[in-house]
Amino acid sequence: MEQLKIADLADRPIGKLSGGEAQRTSLARALVLEPEVLFLDEPFAALDQPTRRRLVRELAELLRTRRMATVFVTHDLAEASILCDRCAILDASTILQDEPVPTLLRHPRTSRVAEIVGIENVTQQRL
């Protein structure tokens, strides 16, 4: 709770937590178990942008400090760039490309990957 800056929330009822506080509480519950792999599926989707940005930065630092393997599902490439060393692009349950994030963003292998990671890549790449 200290690492996620929520020690002061320990006695607060769940119904009295803000979205960011509830998200931090959920992360704390998962982290206290010290899992070998942490699975996060769109963990910031319901948060306002300032809270989302702050939590992404804090989670990135926490995961790097703990050196914890994490599978992070997101549609937000900015979050993936901050939180992930590698990124797998999935489309219709198929992995289209799995690379370190900078490589994937600069060198999409197919037009579909370029479309998913950003239209600006379509015009820059010969696919």
Protein backbone atom coordinates (compact mmCIF):
# COMPACT_ATOMS: atom_id res chain seq x y z
CA MET A 1 0.00 0.00 0.00
CA GLU A 2 2.91 2.32 0.73
CA GLN A 3 4.41 1.76 -2.75
CA LEU A 4 1.11 2.68 -4.39
CA LYS A 5 0.62 5.63 -2.04
CA ILE A 6 -2.66 4.33 -0.62
CA ALA A 7 -1.79 3.47 3.00
CA ASP A 8 -4.19 6.20 4.12
CA LEU A 9 -7.04 4.32 2.40
CA ALA A 10 -6.69 1.11 4.44
CA ASP A 11 -9.78 1.78 6.56
CA ARG A 12 -11.91 3.55 3.96
CA PRO A 13 -14.96 1.63 2.64
CA ILE A 14 -14.65 0.60 -1.02
CA GLY A 15 -17.70 2.68 -1.94
CA LYS A 16 -15.92 5.84 -0.81
CA LEU A 17 -12.88 5.41 -3.10
CA SER A 18 -12.35 7.46 -6.25
CA GLY A 19 -11.65 5.66 -9.53
CA GLY A 20 -7.90 6.15 -9.15
CA GLU A 21 -7.95 5.02 -5.53
CA ALA A 22 -9.98 1.92 -6.42
CA GLN A 23 -7.54 1.12 -9.24
CA ARG A 24 -4.54 1.46 -6.92
CA THR A 25 -6.30 -0.75 -4.36
CA SER A 26 -6.87 -3.43 -7.00
CA LEU A 27 -3.22 -3.26 -8.04
CA ALA A 28 -2.12 -3.52 -4.40
CA ARG A 29 -4.29 -6.62 -3.91
CA ALA A 30 -2.68 -8.25 -6.94
CA LEU A 31 0.88 -7.24 -6.04
CA VAL A 32 0.71 -8.37 -2.42
CA LEU A 33 0.45 -11.96 -3.69
CA GLU A 34 3.82 -11.53 -5.44
CA PRO A 35 2.71 -13.38 -8.57
CA GLU A 36 5.28 -14.76 -11.00
CA VAL A 37 3.36 -13.00 -13.78
CA LEU A 38 0.96 -10.10 -13.32
CA PHE A 39 -1.90 -9.95 -15.82
CA LEU A 40 -3.43 -6.52 -16.41
CA ASP A 41 -6.32 -6.10 -18.86
CA GLU A 42 -6.99 -2.43 -19.69
CA PRO A 43 -6.30 -1.44 -16.06
CA PHE A 44 -6.63 2.31 -16.68
CA ALA A 45 -9.58 2.38 -19.09
CA ALA A 46 -12.11 3.97 -16.71
CA LEU A 47 -9.82 6.69 -15.36
CA ASP A 48 -9.58 10.37 -16.26
CA GLN A 49 -6.45 11.34 -18.22
CA PRO A 50 -4.46 13.02 -15.41
CA THR A 51 -5.05 10.05 -13.07
CA ARG A 52 -4.32 7.61 -15.89
CA ARG A 53 -1.00 9.27 -16.78
CA ARG A 54 0.08 9.37 -13.14
CA LEU A 55 -0.81 5.70 -12.52
CA VAL A 56 0.96 4.57 -15.70
CA ARG A 57 4.19 6.29 -14.60
CA GLU A 58 3.92 4.93 -11.06
CA LEU A 59 3.13 1.39 -12.22
CA ALA A 60 6.03 1.47 -14.69
CA GLU A 61 8.44 2.38 -11.91
CA LEU A 62 7.01 -0.23 -9.56
CA LEU A 63 7.20 -3.03 -12.14
CA ARG A 64 10.76 -2.13 -13.10
CA THR A 65 11.84 -1.96 -9.46
CA ARG A 66 10.29 -5.36 -8.75
CA ARG A 67 11.43 -6.78 -12.10
CA MET A 68 8.01 -8.35 -12.40
CA ALA A 69 6.89 -10.09 -15.57
CA THR A 70 3.63 -8.53 -16.68
CA VAL A 71 1.17 -9.17 -19.49
CA PHE A 72 -0.49 -5.84 -20.19
CA VAL A 73 -3.48 -5.59 -22.50
CA THR A 74 -4.17 -2.12 -23.88
CA HIS A 75 -5.35 -0.25 -26.94
CA ASP A 76 -3.23 2.74 -25.92
CA LEU A 77 0.21 2.70 -27.57
CA ALA A 78 1.48 5.50 -25.34
CA GLU A 79 0.81 3.31 -22.30
CA ALA A 80 2.43 0.33 -24.02
CA SER A 81 5.50 2.43 -24.82
CA ILE A 82 5.89 3.41 -21.16
CA LEU A 83 5.03 0.07 -19.55
CA CYS A 84 6.30 -2.55 -21.97
CA ASP A 85 9.65 -3.78 -23.20
CA ARG A 86 7.98 -5.87 -25.90
CA CYS A 87 4.66 -5.48 -27.66
CA ALA A 88 2.62 -8.10 -29.46
CA ILE A 89 0.03 -6.82 -31.90
CA LEU A 90 -2.99 -9.10 -31.99
CA ASP A 91 -5.72 -9.06 -34.61
CA ALA A 92 -8.53 -11.61 -34.67
CA SER A 93 -6.68 -13.74 -32.08
CA THR A 94 -3.54 -13.88 -34.22
CA ILE A 95 -0.19 -12.35 -33.26
CA LEU A 96 0.77 -10.21 -36.25
CA GLN A 97 4.04 -8.91 -34.83
CA ASP A 98 5.98 -9.26 -31.57
CA GLU A 99 8.92 -6.88 -31.13
CA PRO A 100 10.52 -4.45 -28.74
CA VAL A 101 8.17 -1.45 -28.72
CA PRO A 102 10.45 0.99 -30.62
CA THR A 103 11.11 -1.58 -33.35
CA LEU A 104 7.44 -2.38 -33.73
CA LEU A 105 6.49 1.29 -34.00
CA ARG A 106 9.23 2.11 -36.52
CA HIS A 107 9.06 -1.05 -38.60
CA PRO A 108 5.61 -2.58 -38.87
CA ARG A 109 5.85 -5.78 -40.92
CA THR A 110 2.47 -5.51 -42.60
CA SER A 111 0.02 -2.83 -43.60
CA ARG A 112 -2.40 -4.16 -40.95
CA VAL A 113 0.20 -3.68 -38.18
CA ALA A 114 0.95 -0.19 -39.53
CA GLU A 115 -2.76 0.58 -39.48
CA ILE A 116 -3.06 -0.59 -35.86
CA VAL A 117 -0.02 1.30 -34.57
CA GLY A 118 -0.80 4.49 -36.46
CA ILE A 119 -1.64 5.66 -39.92
CA GLU A 120 1.54 7.78 -40.13
CA ASN A 121 3.49 4.51 -40.35
CA VAL A 122 1.54 3.40 -43.42
CA THR A 123 2.86 6.27 -45.50
CA GLN A 124 6.41 5.92 -44.18
CA GLN A 125 6.85 2.20 -44.74
CA ARG A 126 7.06 0.20 -47.92
CA LEU A 127 4.86 -2.74 -47.12
